[in-house]
N, C-alpha and C. Protein backbone atom coordinates (compact mmCIF):
# COMPACT_ATOMS: atom_id res chain seq x y z
N MET A 1 0.85 -1.16 0.00
CA MET A 1 0.00 0.00 0.00
C MET A 1 0.90 1.23 0.00
N GLN A 2 0.62 2.15 -0.87
CA GLN A 2 1.43 3.35 -0.97
C GLN A 2 0.99 4.37 0.07
N GLN A 3 1.99 4.94 0.77
CA GLN A 3 1.68 5.93 1.78
C GLN A 3 1.38 7.27 1.13
N VAL A 4 0.40 7.95 1.66
CA VAL A 4 0.05 9.30 1.22
C VAL A 4 0.35 10.23 2.38
N ALA A 5 1.04 11.32 2.07
CA ALA A 5 1.42 12.26 3.14
C ALA A 5 0.17 12.88 3.75
N ASP A 6 0.09 12.79 5.05
CA ASP A 6 -1.00 13.39 5.81
C ASP A 6 -0.35 14.13 6.97
N PRO A 7 -0.55 15.44 7.04
CA PRO A 7 0.13 16.20 8.08
C PRO A 7 -0.23 15.79 9.51
N GLU A 8 -1.37 15.12 9.70
CA GLU A 8 -1.77 14.73 11.05
C GLU A 8 -1.32 13.32 11.41
N THR A 9 -0.84 12.55 10.44
CA THR A 9 -0.38 11.19 10.70
C THR A 9 1.13 11.15 10.60
N PRO A 10 1.80 10.69 11.65
CA PRO A 10 3.26 10.61 11.57
C PRO A 10 3.69 9.60 10.52
N PRO A 11 4.86 9.78 9.93
CA PRO A 11 5.34 8.80 8.95
C PRO A 11 5.48 7.42 9.60
N ARG A 12 5.18 6.41 8.84
CA ARG A 12 5.25 5.04 9.35
C ARG A 12 6.56 4.39 8.93
N SER A 13 7.03 3.48 9.76
CA SER A 13 8.27 2.78 9.47
C SER A 13 8.05 1.75 8.36
N PRO A 14 9.15 1.31 7.73
CA PRO A 14 9.01 0.24 6.74
C PRO A 14 8.38 -1.02 7.34
N GLY A 15 8.67 -1.30 8.62
CA GLY A 15 8.06 -2.46 9.27
C GLY A 15 6.56 -2.34 9.37
N PHE A 16 6.09 -1.12 9.65
CA PHE A 16 4.65 -0.89 9.72
C PHE A 16 4.01 -1.12 8.35
N VAL A 17 4.63 -0.55 7.34
CA VAL A 17 4.09 -0.69 5.98
C VAL A 17 4.06 -2.16 5.58
N GLY A 18 5.13 -2.91 5.93
CA GLY A 18 5.15 -4.33 5.62
C GLY A 18 4.06 -5.10 6.35
N ALA A 19 3.87 -4.80 7.62
CA ALA A 19 2.82 -5.48 8.40
C ALA A 19 1.44 -5.12 7.85
N GLU A 20 1.27 -3.86 7.49
CA GLU A 20 -0.01 -3.43 6.92
C GLU A 20 -0.28 -4.18 5.61
N ASP A 21 0.75 -4.32 4.78
CA ASP A 21 0.60 -5.06 3.53
C ASP A 21 0.26 -6.53 3.78
N MET A 22 0.92 -7.14 4.79
CA MET A 22 0.61 -8.53 5.13
C MET A 22 -0.83 -8.67 5.60
N ALA A 23 -1.30 -7.72 6.40
CA ALA A 23 -2.68 -7.76 6.88
C ALA A 23 -3.66 -7.64 5.72
N GLU A 24 -3.35 -6.77 4.77
CA GLU A 24 -4.21 -6.63 3.60
C GLU A 24 -4.21 -7.90 2.75
N GLY A 25 -3.04 -8.54 2.63
CA GLY A 25 -2.97 -9.80 1.89
C GLY A 25 -3.76 -10.90 2.57
N ALA A 26 -3.68 -10.98 3.88
CA ALA A 26 -4.45 -11.98 4.63
C ALA A 26 -5.94 -11.72 4.48
N SER A 27 -6.32 -10.46 4.51
CA SER A 27 -7.73 -10.10 4.34
C SER A 27 -8.23 -10.51 2.95
N ALA A 28 -7.42 -10.26 1.95
CA ALA A 28 -7.81 -10.65 0.58
C ALA A 28 -7.96 -12.16 0.47
N MET A 29 -7.04 -12.90 1.08
CA MET A 29 -7.10 -14.36 1.05
C MET A 29 -8.38 -14.85 1.72
N LEU A 30 -8.73 -14.26 2.86
CA LEU A 30 -9.94 -14.66 3.56
C LEU A 30 -11.20 -14.31 2.77
N SER A 31 -11.19 -13.17 2.10
CA SER A 31 -12.34 -12.78 1.28
C SER A 31 -12.56 -13.76 0.15
N ILE A 32 -11.48 -14.16 -0.50
CA ILE A 32 -11.59 -15.14 -1.59
C ILE A 32 -12.07 -16.47 -1.05
N ALA A 33 -11.51 -16.90 0.07
CA ALA A 33 -11.92 -18.18 0.67
C ALA A 33 -13.39 -18.16 1.03
N GLU A 34 -13.85 -17.06 1.62
CA GLU A 34 -15.27 -16.97 1.99
C GLU A 34 -16.17 -17.03 0.76
N ALA A 35 -15.77 -16.34 -0.30
CA ALA A 35 -16.57 -16.37 -1.53
C ALA A 35 -16.61 -17.78 -2.11
N LEU A 36 -15.49 -18.47 -2.09
CA LEU A 36 -15.46 -19.84 -2.61
C LEU A 36 -16.33 -20.77 -1.79
N VAL A 37 -16.24 -20.66 -0.46
CA VAL A 37 -17.05 -21.51 0.42
C VAL A 37 -18.53 -21.21 0.23
N THR A 38 -18.87 -19.94 0.13
CA THR A 38 -20.27 -19.55 -0.07
C THR A 38 -20.81 -20.11 -1.38
N ALA A 39 -19.94 -20.23 -2.38
CA ALA A 39 -20.34 -20.78 -3.68
C ALA A 39 -20.34 -22.31 -3.67
N GLY A 40 -20.01 -22.92 -2.53
CA GLY A 40 -20.06 -24.37 -2.42
C GLY A 40 -18.74 -25.06 -2.73
N ASN A 41 -17.68 -24.32 -2.85
CA ASN A 41 -16.38 -24.91 -3.15
C ASN A 41 -15.60 -25.20 -1.87
N ARG A 42 -14.65 -26.10 -1.99
CA ARG A 42 -13.75 -26.39 -0.88
C ARG A 42 -12.57 -25.45 -0.97
N VAL A 43 -11.99 -25.13 0.15
CA VAL A 43 -10.82 -24.26 0.17
C VAL A 43 -9.70 -24.92 0.96
N ASP A 44 -8.49 -24.57 0.59
CA ASP A 44 -7.31 -25.06 1.29
C ASP A 44 -6.57 -23.83 1.80
N LEU A 45 -6.55 -23.67 3.11
CA LEU A 45 -5.88 -22.53 3.71
C LEU A 45 -4.52 -22.92 4.28
N ALA A 46 -3.90 -23.92 3.66
CA ALA A 46 -2.56 -24.33 4.09
C ALA A 46 -1.63 -23.12 4.01
N GLY A 47 -0.91 -22.91 5.04
CA GLY A 47 0.03 -21.79 5.07
C GLY A 47 -0.54 -20.52 5.68
N PHE A 48 -1.84 -20.46 5.84
CA PHE A 48 -2.45 -19.23 6.37
C PHE A 48 -2.00 -18.99 7.81
N GLU A 49 -1.95 -20.04 8.61
CA GLU A 49 -1.54 -19.89 10.01
C GLU A 49 -0.11 -19.34 10.10
N GLU A 50 0.77 -19.83 9.24
CA GLU A 50 2.14 -19.34 9.24
C GLU A 50 2.21 -17.88 8.82
N GLU A 51 1.37 -17.52 7.86
CA GLU A 51 1.33 -16.12 7.40
C GLU A 51 0.87 -15.20 8.53
N VAL A 52 -0.13 -15.62 9.27
CA VAL A 52 -0.62 -14.82 10.39
C VAL A 52 0.44 -14.76 11.49
N ALA A 53 1.16 -15.85 11.70
CA ALA A 53 2.23 -15.84 12.70
C ALA A 53 3.32 -14.84 12.32
N ARG A 54 3.66 -14.76 11.03
CA ARG A 54 4.65 -13.77 10.57
C ARG A 54 4.12 -12.36 10.76
N LEU A 55 2.84 -12.17 10.47
CA LEU A 55 2.22 -10.86 10.67
C LEU A 55 2.30 -10.45 12.14
N CYS A 56 1.94 -11.35 13.03
CA CYS A 56 1.97 -11.04 14.47
C CYS A 56 3.39 -10.76 14.94
N ALA A 57 4.35 -11.54 14.46
CA ALA A 57 5.75 -11.30 14.84
C ALA A 57 6.21 -9.94 14.35
N GLY A 58 5.80 -9.58 13.14
CA GLY A 58 6.17 -8.27 12.61
C GLY A 58 5.57 -7.14 13.43
N ILE A 59 4.33 -7.32 13.84
CA ILE A 59 3.67 -6.29 14.65
C ILE A 59 4.34 -6.17 16.02
N LEU A 60 4.71 -7.30 16.61
CA LEU A 60 5.38 -7.26 17.91
C LEU A 60 6.74 -6.55 17.84
N ALA A 61 7.36 -6.55 16.67
CA ALA A 61 8.66 -5.91 16.51
C ALA A 61 8.54 -4.40 16.31
N LEU A 62 7.33 -3.91 16.11
CA LEU A 62 7.12 -2.48 15.86
C LEU A 62 7.13 -1.68 17.16
N PRO A 63 7.39 -0.39 17.06
CA PRO A 63 7.17 0.46 18.23
C PRO A 63 5.70 0.34 18.66
N LYS A 64 5.46 0.49 19.95
CA LYS A 64 4.12 0.28 20.51
C LYS A 64 3.04 1.07 19.76
N SER A 65 3.31 2.33 19.46
CA SER A 65 2.29 3.16 18.81
C SER A 65 1.94 2.63 17.42
N GLU A 66 2.93 2.13 16.70
CA GLU A 66 2.65 1.58 15.37
C GLU A 66 1.90 0.26 15.47
N GLY A 67 2.30 -0.56 16.44
CA GLY A 67 1.59 -1.82 16.64
C GLY A 67 0.13 -1.59 16.99
N GLN A 68 -0.10 -0.62 17.87
CA GLN A 68 -1.49 -0.30 18.25
C GLN A 68 -2.29 0.24 17.07
N ALA A 69 -1.62 0.93 16.16
CA ALA A 69 -2.32 1.47 14.99
C ALA A 69 -2.84 0.35 14.08
N LEU A 70 -2.28 -0.83 14.21
CA LEU A 70 -2.74 -1.96 13.40
C LEU A 70 -3.83 -2.79 14.08
N ALA A 71 -4.21 -2.42 15.30
CA ALA A 71 -5.24 -3.17 16.02
C ALA A 71 -6.55 -3.28 15.24
N PRO A 72 -7.04 -2.22 14.58
CA PRO A 72 -8.27 -2.37 13.81
C PRO A 72 -8.14 -3.38 12.66
N ALA A 73 -6.98 -3.43 12.03
CA ALA A 73 -6.78 -4.40 10.95
C ALA A 73 -6.81 -5.82 11.50
N LEU A 74 -6.23 -6.03 12.68
CA LEU A 74 -6.26 -7.36 13.28
C LEU A 74 -7.67 -7.75 13.71
N ALA A 75 -8.41 -6.79 14.23
CA ALA A 75 -9.80 -7.06 14.61
C ALA A 75 -10.63 -7.43 13.38
N ALA A 76 -10.38 -6.74 12.28
CA ALA A 76 -11.10 -7.05 11.03
C ALA A 76 -10.75 -8.45 10.54
N LEU A 77 -9.47 -8.84 10.66
CA LEU A 77 -9.09 -10.20 10.28
C LEU A 77 -9.78 -11.23 11.15
N ARG A 78 -9.84 -10.96 12.46
CA ARG A 78 -10.54 -11.87 13.37
C ARG A 78 -12.00 -12.04 12.93
N ASP A 79 -12.64 -10.93 12.58
CA ASP A 79 -14.04 -10.99 12.14
C ASP A 79 -14.18 -11.79 10.85
N GLN A 80 -13.22 -11.62 9.94
CA GLN A 80 -13.27 -12.38 8.69
C GLN A 80 -13.10 -13.87 8.94
N VAL A 81 -12.21 -14.23 9.85
CA VAL A 81 -12.01 -15.65 10.18
C VAL A 81 -13.30 -16.21 10.77
N GLU A 82 -13.96 -15.46 11.62
CA GLU A 82 -15.23 -15.93 12.21
C GLU A 82 -16.30 -16.10 11.14
N ARG A 83 -16.38 -15.16 10.19
CA ARG A 83 -17.36 -15.30 9.10
C ARG A 83 -17.07 -16.54 8.26
N LEU A 84 -15.79 -16.74 7.96
CA LEU A 84 -15.42 -17.92 7.17
C LEU A 84 -15.75 -19.20 7.94
N GLN A 85 -15.44 -19.21 9.22
CA GLN A 85 -15.76 -20.39 10.03
C GLN A 85 -17.26 -20.67 10.02
N ASN A 86 -18.07 -19.63 10.10
CA ASN A 86 -19.53 -19.81 10.09
C ASN A 86 -20.03 -20.25 8.71
N ALA A 87 -19.30 -19.91 7.66
CA ALA A 87 -19.72 -20.29 6.31
C ALA A 87 -19.35 -21.72 5.97
N LEU A 88 -18.38 -22.29 6.69
CA LEU A 88 -17.94 -23.65 6.39
C LEU A 88 -19.02 -24.66 6.76
N PRO A 89 -19.16 -25.70 5.94
CA PRO A 89 -20.12 -26.74 6.30
C PRO A 89 -19.59 -27.54 7.48
N PRO A 90 -20.48 -28.19 8.22
CA PRO A 90 -20.02 -29.00 9.35
C PRO A 90 -19.11 -30.12 8.86
N PRO A 91 -18.16 -30.53 9.70
CA PRO A 91 -17.24 -31.61 9.28
C PRO A 91 -17.95 -32.94 9.11
């Protein structure tokens, strides 16, 4: 995601931008998976857990203020995971 200068928002570190990009990628993956499941298809989320673990590790390495700025993105991912879980057929 390209940063746009905003006088009220401090510049973000490369680590923040990377974590933000990873969160957006995870969100896109979950959106596609949910659409596939809703259409009756099976999905394979192999590797998703590792991707989220890398995202969390990246966020933990950020300064506290930058990590906290990503809290809404993490909450949105949690909500997407719950929607996908609810869309999955019973085992």
